[in-house]
Amino acid sequence: MMTNEQLAEELKGMKLTKSQMIVLDILRSSGRNGVTPKQLLDKVSFAPRTVRYALRKLLKKQLIKRVPCLQDMRQWIYVPV
């Protein structure tokens, strides 16, 4: 995982939305355990569509990655890179 200084430097030119920044902060605070989309929805007051959009954009910018959830193979766990 990147340090806060490295992350701040990298995020300067990425033009993240406020919802993307909040989702990224939650994922970084969760550490290596990761978070499912349902757990994210419990922590924020966004619409499910907004959370899905933020996750998709963060994946595209390679700031997070997704791994299969071993307890429930129907879902993904999102972790910071």
PDB file of N, CA and C in Angstrom:
ATOM      1  N   MET A   1       0.845  -1.173   0.000  1.00  0.00           N
ATOM      2  CA  MET A   1       0.000   0.000   0.000  1.00  0.00           C
ATOM      3  C   MET A   1       0.891   1.236   0.000  1.00  0.00           C
ATOM      4  N   MET A   2       0.433   2.272  -0.707  1.00  0.00           N
ATOM      5  CA  MET A   2       1.197   3.509  -0.806  1.00  0.00           C
ATOM      6  C   MET A   2       1.120   4.299   0.495  1.00  0.00           C
ATOM      7  N   THR A   3       2.130   5.114   0.725  1.00  0.00           N
ATOM      8  CA  THR A   3       2.079   6.022   1.863  1.00  0.00           C
ATOM      9  C   THR A   3       1.149   7.175   1.520  1.00  0.00           C
ATOM     10  N   ASN A   4       0.778   7.941   2.535  1.00  0.00           N
ATOM     11  CA  ASN A   4      -0.130   9.065   2.308  1.00  0.00           C
ATOM     12  C   ASN A   4       0.477  10.110   1.377  1.00  0.00           C
ATOM     13  N   GLU A   5       1.792  10.334   1.493  1.00  0.00           N
ATOM     14  CA  GLU A   5       2.459  11.317   0.638  1.00  0.00           C
ATOM     15  C   GLU A   5       2.467  10.851  -0.817  1.00  0.00           C
ATOM     16  N   GLN A   6       2.759   9.574  -1.037  1.00  0.00           N
ATOM     17  CA  GLN A   6       2.761   9.033  -2.398  1.00  0.00           C
ATOM     18  C   GLN A   6       1.366   9.100  -3.001  1.00  0.00           C
ATOM     19  N   LEU A   7       0.366   8.773  -2.205  1.00  0.00           N
ATOM     20  CA  LEU A   7      -1.010   8.807  -2.691  1.00  0.00           C
ATOM     21  C   LEU A   7      -1.437  10.224  -3.036  1.00  0.00           C
ATOM     22  N   ALA A   8      -1.118  11.183  -2.181  1.00  0.00           N
ATOM     23  CA  ALA A   8      -1.487  12.573  -2.438  1.00  0.00           C
ATOM     24  C   ALA A   8      -0.854  13.074  -3.727  1.00  0.00           C
ATOM     25  N   GLU A   9       0.393  12.693  -3.960  1.00  0.00           N
ATOM     26  CA  GLU A   9       1.091  13.105  -5.180  1.00  0.00           C
ATOM     27  C   GLU A   9       0.439  12.490  -6.420  1.00  0.00           C
ATOM     28  N   GLU A  10       0.056  11.246  -6.318  1.00  0.00           N
ATOM     29  CA  GLU A  10      -0.548  10.559  -7.451  1.00  0.00           C
ATOM     30  C   GLU A  10      -1.970  11.046  -7.735  1.00  0.00           C
ATOM     31  N   LEU A  11      -2.702  11.426  -6.700  1.00  0.00           N
ATOM     32  CA  LEU A  11      -4.096  11.849  -6.871  1.00  0.00           C
ATOM     33  C   LEU A  11      -4.242  13.268  -7.412  1.00  0.00           C
ATOM     34  N   LYS A  12      -3.162  14.037  -7.396  1.00  0.00           N
ATOM     35  CA  LYS A  12      -3.252  15.435  -7.833  1.00  0.00           C
ATOM     36  C   LYS A  12      -3.811  15.579  -9.244  1.00  0.00           C
ATOM     37  N   GLY A  13      -3.350  14.762 -10.163  1.00  0.00           N
ATOM     38  CA  GLY A  13      -3.785  14.906 -11.545  1.00  0.00           C
ATOM     39  C   GLY A  13      -4.918  13.996 -11.964  1.00  0.00           C
ATOM     40  N   MET A  14      -5.512  13.265 -11.041  1.00  0.00           N
ATOM     41  CA  MET A  14      -6.522  12.277 -11.418  1.00  0.00           C
ATOM     42  C   MET A  14      -7.948  12.809 -11.450  1.00  0.00           C
ATOM     43  N   LYS A  15      -8.209  13.930 -10.842  1.00  0.00           N
ATOM     44  CA  LYS A  15      -9.534  14.538 -10.839  1.00  0.00           C
ATOM     45  C   LYS A  15     -10.609  13.578 -10.340  1.00  0.00           C
ATOM     46  N   LEU A  16     -10.456  13.139  -9.100  1.00  0.00           N
ATOM     47  CA  LEU A  16     -11.449  12.261  -8.493  1.00  0.00           C
ATOM     48  C   LEU A  16     -12.621  13.083  -7.968  1.00  0.00           C
ATOM     49  N   THR A  17     -13.808  12.495  -8.050  1.00  0.00           N
ATOM     50  CA  THR A  17     -14.990  13.155  -7.495  1.00  0.00           C
ATOM     51  C   THR A  17     -14.981  13.001  -5.977  1.00  0.00           C
ATOM     52  N   LYS A  18     -15.865  13.738  -5.333  1.00  0.00           N
ATOM     53  CA  LYS A  18     -15.941  13.674  -3.877  1.00  0.00           C
ATOM     54  C   LYS A  18     -16.333  12.274  -3.404  1.00  0.00           C
ATOM     55  N   SER A  19     -17.269  11.647  -4.095  1.00  0.00           N
ATOM     56  CA  SER A  19     -17.693  10.295  -3.700  1.00  0.00           C
ATOM     57  C   SER A  19     -16.562   9.291  -3.897  1.00  0.00           C
ATOM     58  N   GLN A  20     -15.775   9.446  -4.944  1.00  0.00           N
ATOM     59  CA  GLN A  20     -14.634   8.550  -5.164  1.00  0.00           C
ATOM     60  C   GLN A  20     -13.595   8.717  -4.069  1.00  0.00           C
ATOM     61  N   MET A  21     -13.361   9.947  -3.643  1.00  0.00           N
ATOM     62  CA  MET A  21     -12.397  10.199  -2.568  1.00  0.00           C
ATOM     63  C   MET A  21     -12.868   9.575  -1.257  1.00  0.00           C
ATOM     64  N   ILE A  22     -14.164   9.682  -0.974  1.00  0.00           N
ATOM     65  CA  ILE A  22     -14.700   9.122   0.267  1.00  0.00           C
ATOM     66  C   ILE A  22     -14.594   7.602   0.250  1.00  0.00           C
ATOM     67  N   VAL A  23     -14.945   6.984  -0.877  1.00  0.00           N
ATOM     68  CA  VAL A  23     -14.851   5.527  -1.000  1.00  0.00           C
ATOM     69  C   VAL A  23     -13.397   5.085  -0.862  1.00  0.00           C
ATOM     70  N   LEU A  24     -12.484   5.798  -1.489  1.00  0.00           N
ATOM     71  CA  LEU A  24     -11.064   5.462  -1.399  1.00  0.00           C
ATOM     72  C   LEU A  24     -10.556   5.596   0.036  1.00  0.00           C
ATOM     73  N   ASP A  25     -10.991   6.630   0.750  1.00  0.00           N
ATOM     74  CA  ASP A  25     -10.591   6.804   2.149  1.00  0.00           C
ATOM     75  C   ASP A  25     -11.083   5.645   3.017  1.00  0.00           C
ATOM     76  N   ILE A  26     -12.309   5.210   2.793  1.00  0.00           N
ATOM     77  CA  ILE A  26     -12.857   4.088   3.556  1.00  0.00           C
ATOM     78  C   ILE A  26     -12.070   2.824   3.259  1.00  0.00           C
ATOM     79  N   LEU A  27     -11.756   2.593   1.999  1.00  0.00           N
ATOM     80  CA  LEU A  27     -10.993   1.401   1.634  1.00  0.00           C
ATOM     81  C   LEU A  27      -9.588   1.442   2.233  1.00  0.00           C
ATOM     82  N   ARG A  28      -8.947   2.603   2.235  1.00  0.00           N
ATOM     83  CA  ARG A  28      -7.609   2.714   2.805  1.00  0.00           C
ATOM     84  C   ARG A  28      -7.646   2.514   4.318  1.00  0.00           C
ATOM     85  N   SER A  29      -8.707   2.967   4.975  1.00  0.00           N
ATOM     86  CA  SER A  29      -8.793   2.786   6.429  1.00  0.00           C
ATOM     87  C   SER A  29      -9.111   1.339   6.807  1.00  0.00           C
ATOM     88  N   SER A  30      -9.695   0.582   5.878  1.00  0.00           N
ATOM     89  CA  SER A  30     -10.011  -0.821   6.163  1.00  0.00           C
ATOM     90  C   SER A  30      -8.772  -1.700   6.092  1.00  0.00           C
ATOM     91  N   GLY A  31      -7.733  -1.221   5.437  1.00  0.00           N
ATOM     92  CA  GLY A  31      -6.485  -1.978   5.344  1.00  0.00           C
ATOM     93  C   GLY A  31      -6.574  -3.115   4.347  1.00  0.00           C
ATOM     94  N   ARG A  32      -5.809  -4.151   4.579  1.00  0.00           N
ATOM     95  CA  ARG A  32      -5.723  -5.286   3.658  1.00  0.00           C
ATOM     96  C   ARG A  32      -6.930  -6.210   3.709  1.00  0.00           C
ATOM     97  N   ASN A  33      -7.796  -6.056   4.726  1.00  0.00           N
ATOM     98  CA  ASN A  33      -8.971  -6.917   4.816  1.00  0.00           C
ATOM     99  C   ASN A  33      -9.961  -6.639   3.704  1.00  0.00           C
ATOM    100  N   GLY A  34     -10.043  -5.393   3.283  1.00  0.00           N
ATOM    101  CA  GLY A  34     -10.950  -5.032   2.217  1.00  0.00           C
ATOM    102  C   GLY A  34     -12.379  -4.863   2.691  1.00  0.00           C
ATOM    103  N   VAL A  35     -13.218  -4.437   1.770  1.00  0.00           N
ATOM    104  CA  VAL A  35     -14.611  -4.130   2.064  1.00  0.00           C
ATOM    105  C   VAL A  35     -15.463  -4.603   0.899  1.00  0.00           C
ATOM    106  N   THR A  36     -16.631  -5.154   1.198  1.00  0.00           N
ATOM    107  CA  THR A  36     -17.590  -5.509   0.154  1.00  0.00           C
ATOM    108  C   THR A  36     -18.424  -4.270  -0.170  1.00  0.00           C
ATOM    109  N   PRO A  37     -19.059  -4.248  -1.330  1.00  0.00           N
ATOM    110  CA  PRO A  37     -19.920  -3.102  -1.645  1.00  0.00           C
ATOM    111  C   PRO A  37     -21.029  -2.891  -0.607  1.00  0.00           C
ATOM    112  N   LYS A  38     -21.579  -3.964  -0.061  1.00  0.00           N
ATOM    113  CA  LYS A  38     -22.619  -3.836   0.958  1.00  0.00           C
ATOM    114  C   LYS A  38     -22.071  -3.172   2.216  1.00  0.00           C
ATOM    115  N   GLN A  39     -20.864  -3.530   2.622  1.00  0.00           N
ATOM    116  CA  GLN A  39     -20.257  -2.894   3.783  1.00  0.00           C
ATOM    117  C   GLN A  39     -19.990  -1.418   3.516  1.00  0.00           C
ATOM    118  N   LEU A  40     -19.608  -1.099   2.291  1.00  0.00           N
ATOM    119  CA  LEU A  40     -19.401   0.307   1.917  1.00  0.00           C
ATOM    120  C   LEU A  40     -20.704   1.087   2.030  1.00  0.00           C
ATOM    121  N   LEU A  41     -21.781   0.490   1.541  1.00  0.00           N
ATOM    122  CA  LEU A  41     -23.080   1.161   1.597  1.00  0.00           C
ATOM    123  C   LEU A  41     -23.525   1.418   3.034  1.00  0.00           C
ATOM    124  N   ASP A  42     -23.148   0.528   3.943  1.00  0.00           N
ATOM    125  CA  ASP A  42     -23.499   0.724   5.350  1.00  0.00           C
ATOM    126  C   ASP A  42     -22.734   1.896   5.962  1.00  0.00           C
ATOM    127  N   LYS A  43     -21.557   2.208   5.423  1.00  0.00           N
ATOM    128  CA  LYS A  43     -20.718   3.267   5.981  1.00  0.00           C
ATOM    129  C   LYS A  43     -20.986   4.641   5.388  1.00  0.00           C
ATOM    130  N   VAL A  44     -21.574   4.700   4.204  1.00  0.00           N
ATOM    131  CA  VAL A  44     -21.827   5.990   3.558  1.00  0.00           C
ATOM    132  C   VAL A  44     -23.325   6.151   3.308  1.00  0.00           C
ATOM    133  N   SER A  45     -23.724   7.364   3.016  1.00  0.00           N
ATOM    134  CA  SER A  45     -25.137   7.621   2.743  1.00  0.00           C
ATOM    135  C   SER A  45     -25.377   7.853   1.248  1.00  0.00           C
ATOM    136  N   PHE A  46     -24.595   7.174   0.417  1.00  0.00           N
ATOM    137  CA  PHE A  46     -24.748   7.306  -1.030  1.00  0.00           C
ATOM    138  C   PHE A  46     -25.740   6.278  -1.553  1.00  0.00           C
ATOM    139  N   ALA A  47     -26.235   6.537  -2.740  1.00  0.00           N
ATOM    140  CA  ALA A  47     -27.066   5.556  -3.428  1.00  0.00           C
ATOM    141  C   ALA A  47     -26.171   4.407  -3.895  1.00  0.00           C
ATOM    142  N   PRO A  48     -26.710   3.200  -3.978  1.00  0.00           N
ATOM    143  CA  PRO A  48     -25.895   2.070  -4.446  1.00  0.00           C
ATOM    144  C   PRO A  48     -25.250   2.329  -5.807  1.00  0.00           C
ATOM    145  N   ARG A  49     -25.950   3.019  -6.660  1.00  0.00           N
ATOM    146  CA  ARG A  49     -25.412   3.343  -7.989  1.00  0.00           C
ATOM    147  C   ARG A  49     -24.158   4.213  -7.887  1.00  0.00           C
ATOM    148  N   THR A  50     -24.151   5.144  -6.961  1.00  0.00           N
ATOM    149  CA  THR A  50     -22.998   6.026  -6.767  1.00  0.00           C
ATOM    150  C   THR A  50     -21.784   5.242  -6.284  1.00  0.00           C
ATOM    151  N   VAL A  51     -22.004   4.292  -5.375  1.00  0.00           N
ATOM    152  CA  VAL A  51     -20.907   3.472  -4.870  1.00  0.00           C
ATOM    153  C   VAL A  51     -20.354   2.584  -5.982  1.00  0.00           C
ATOM    154  N   ARG A  52     -21.235   1.976  -6.771  1.00  0.00           N
ATOM    155  CA  ARG A  52     -20.782   1.139  -7.892  1.00  0.00           C
ATOM    156  C   ARG A  52     -19.969   1.951  -8.890  1.00  0.00           C
ATOM    157  N   TYR A  53     -20.434   3.156  -9.190  1.00  0.00           N
ATOM    158  CA  TYR A  53     -19.732   4.032 -10.131  1.00  0.00           C
ATOM    159  C   TYR A  53     -18.351   4.407  -9.590  1.00  0.00           C
ATOM    160  N   ALA A  54     -18.290   4.763  -8.306  1.00  0.00           N
ATOM    161  CA  ALA A  54     -17.006   5.139  -7.695  1.00  0.00           C
ATOM    162  C   ALA A  54     -16.042   3.957  -7.717  1.00  0.00           C
ATOM    163  N   LEU A  55     -16.520   2.761  -7.390  1.00  0.00           N
ATOM    164  CA  LEU A  55     -15.662   1.576  -7.410  1.00  0.00           C
ATOM    165  C   LEU A  55     -15.156   1.297  -8.816  1.00  0.00           C
ATOM    166  N   ARG A  56     -16.030   1.409  -9.793  1.00  0.00           N
ATOM    167  CA  ARG A  56     -15.639   1.151 -11.183  1.00  0.00           C
ATOM    168  C   ARG A  56     -14.566   2.133 -11.638  1.00  0.00           C
ATOM    169  N   LYS A  57     -14.723   3.409 -11.300  1.00  0.00           N
ATOM    170  CA  LYS A  57     -13.739   4.421 -11.694  1.00  0.00           C
ATOM    171  C   LYS A  57     -12.410   4.232 -10.969  1.00  0.00           C
ATOM    172  N   LEU A  58     -12.452   3.871  -9.697  1.00  0.00           N
ATOM    173  CA  LEU A  58     -11.223   3.638  -8.945  1.00  0.00           C
ATOM    174  C   LEU A  58     -10.493   2.402  -9.465  1.00  0.00           C
ATOM    175  N   LEU A  59     -11.239   1.388  -9.881  1.00  0.00           N
ATOM    176  CA  LEU A  59     -10.618   0.213 -10.497  1.00  0.00           C
ATOM    177  C   LEU A  59      -9.935   0.585 -11.803  1.00  0.00           C
ATOM    178  N   LYS A  60     -10.614   1.395 -12.596  1.00  0.00           N
ATOM    179  CA  LYS A  60     -10.071   1.804 -13.887  1.00  0.00           C
ATOM    180  C   LYS A  60      -8.781   2.612 -13.732  1.00  0.00           C
ATOM    181  N   LYS A  61      -8.725   3.415 -12.667  1.00  0.00           N
ATOM    182  CA  LYS A  61      -7.528   4.227 -12.409  1.00  0.00           C
ATOM    183  C   LYS A  61      -6.471   3.449 -11.631  1.00  0.00           C
ATOM    184  N   GLN A  62      -6.751   2.179 -11.358  1.00  0.00           N
ATOM    185  CA  GLN A  62      -5.838   1.257 -10.680  1.00  0.00           C
ATOM    186  C   GLN A  62      -5.433   1.740  -9.284  1.00  0.00           C
ATOM    187  N   LEU A  63      -6.373   2.353  -8.578  1.00  0.00           N
ATOM    188  CA  LEU A  63      -6.142   2.754  -7.193  1.00  0.00           C
ATOM    189  C   LEU A  63      -6.598   1.679  -6.220  1.00  0.00           C
ATOM    190  N   ILE A  64      -7.492   0.801  -6.692  1.00  0.00           N
ATOM    191  CA  ILE A  64      -7.971  -0.321  -5.878  1.00  0.00           C
ATOM    192  C   ILE A  64      -7.964  -1.565  -6.750  1.00  0.00           C
ATOM    193  N   LYS A  65      -8.122  -2.713  -6.103  1.00  0.00           N
ATOM    194  CA  LYS A  65      -8.284  -3.958  -6.853  1.00  0.00           C
ATOM    195  C   LYS A  65      -9.384  -4.760  -6.185  1.00  0.00           C
ATOM    196  N   ARG A  66      -9.914  -5.722  -6.903  1.00  0.00           N
ATOM    197  CA  ARG A  66     -10.956  -6.552  -6.320  1.00  0.00           C
ATOM    198  C   ARG A  66     -10.512  -8.002  -6.306  1.00  0.00           C
ATOM    199  N   VAL A  67     -10.887  -8.675  -5.243  1.00  0.00           N
ATOM    200  CA  VAL A  67     -10.560 -10.081  -5.069  1.00  0.00           C
ATOM    201  C   VAL A  67     -11.847 -10.813  -4.697  1.00  0.00           C
ATOM    202  N   PRO A  68     -11.944 -12.097  -5.037  1.00  0.00           N
ATOM    203  CA  PRO A  68     -13.155 -12.837  -4.683  1.00  0.00           C
ATOM    204  C   PRO A  68     -13.308 -12.983  -3.169  1.00  0.00           C
ATOM    205  N   CYS A  69     -14.522 -12.890  -2.713  1.00  0.00           N
ATOM    206  CA  CYS A  69     -14.836 -13.105  -1.300  1.00  0.00           C
ATOM    207  C   CYS A  69     -14.919 -14.607  -1.077  1.00  0.00           C
ATOM    208  N   LEU A  70     -14.090 -15.132  -0.189  1.00  0.00           N
ATOM    209  CA  LEU A  70     -14.038 -16.569   0.023  1.00  0.00           C
ATOM    210  C   LEU A  70     -15.231 -17.095   0.821  1.00  0.00           C
ATOM    211  N   GLN A  71     -15.891 -16.231   1.599  1.00  0.00           N
ATOM    212  CA  GLN A  71     -17.081 -16.659   2.334  1.00  0.00           C
ATOM    213  C   GLN A  71     -18.317 -16.717   1.431  1.00  0.00           C
ATOM    214  N   ASP A  72     -18.377 -15.816   0.452  1.00  0.00           N
ATOM    215  CA  ASP A  72     -19.520 -15.744  -0.456  1.00  0.00           C
ATOM    216  C   ASP A  72     -18.991 -15.445  -1.850  1.00  0.00           C
ATOM    217  N   MET A  73     -18.853 -16.466  -2.665  1.00  0.00           N
ATOM    218  CA  MET A  73     -18.216 -16.306  -3.974  1.00  0.00           C
ATOM    219  C   MET A  73     -19.059 -15.478  -4.958  1.00  0.00           C
ATOM    220  N   ARG A  74     -20.236 -15.036  -4.549  1.00  0.00           N
ATOM    221  CA  ARG A  74     -21.050 -14.180  -5.418  1.00  0.00           C
ATOM    222  C   ARG A  74     -20.605 -12.722  -5.334  1.00  0.00           C
ATOM    223  N   GLN A  75     -19.800 -12.366  -4.342  1.00  0.00           N
ATOM    224  CA  GLN A  75     -19.386 -10.978  -4.178  1.00  0.00           C
ATOM    225  C   GLN A  75     -17.878 -10.804  -4.320  1.00  0.00           C
ATOM    226  N   TRP A  76     -17.502  -9.552  -4.436  1.00  0.00           N
ATOM    227  CA  TRP A  76     -16.095  -9.166  -4.506  1.00  0.00           C
ATOM    228  C   TRP A  76     -15.734  -8.399  -3.253  1.00  0.00           C
ATOM    229  N   ILE A  77     -14.461  -8.431  -2.908  1.00  0.00           N
ATOM    230  CA  ILE A  77     -13.907  -7.592  -1.847  1.00  0.00           C
ATOM    231  C   ILE A  77     -12.963  -6.602  -2.518  1.00  0.00           C
ATOM    232  N   TYR A  78     -13.116  -5.336  -2.189  1.00  0.00           N
ATOM    233  CA  TYR A  78     -12.289  -4.285  -2.766  1.00  0.00           C
ATOM    234  C   TYR A  78     -11.226  -3.877  -1.754  1.00  0.00           C
ATOM    235  N   VAL A  79      -9.978  -3.833  -2.217  1.00  0.00           N
ATOM    236  CA  VAL A  79      -8.842  -3.483  -1.367  1.00  0.00           C
ATOM    237  C   VAL A  79      -8.017  -2.406  -2.065  1.00  0.00           C
ATOM    238  N   PRO A  80      -7.369  -1.535  -1.283  1.00  0.00           N
ATOM    239  CA  PRO A  80      -6.494  -0.529  -1.902  1.00  0.00           C
ATOM    240  C   PRO A  80      -5.237  -1.180  -2.445  1.00  0.00           C
ATOM    241  N   VAL A  81      -4.658  -0.565  -3.453  1.00  0.00           N
ATOM    242  CA  VAL A  81      -3.424  -1.095  -4.060  1.00  0.00           C
ATOM    243  C   VAL A  81      -2.242  -0.696  -3.224  1.00  0.00           C
TER     244      VAL A  81
END
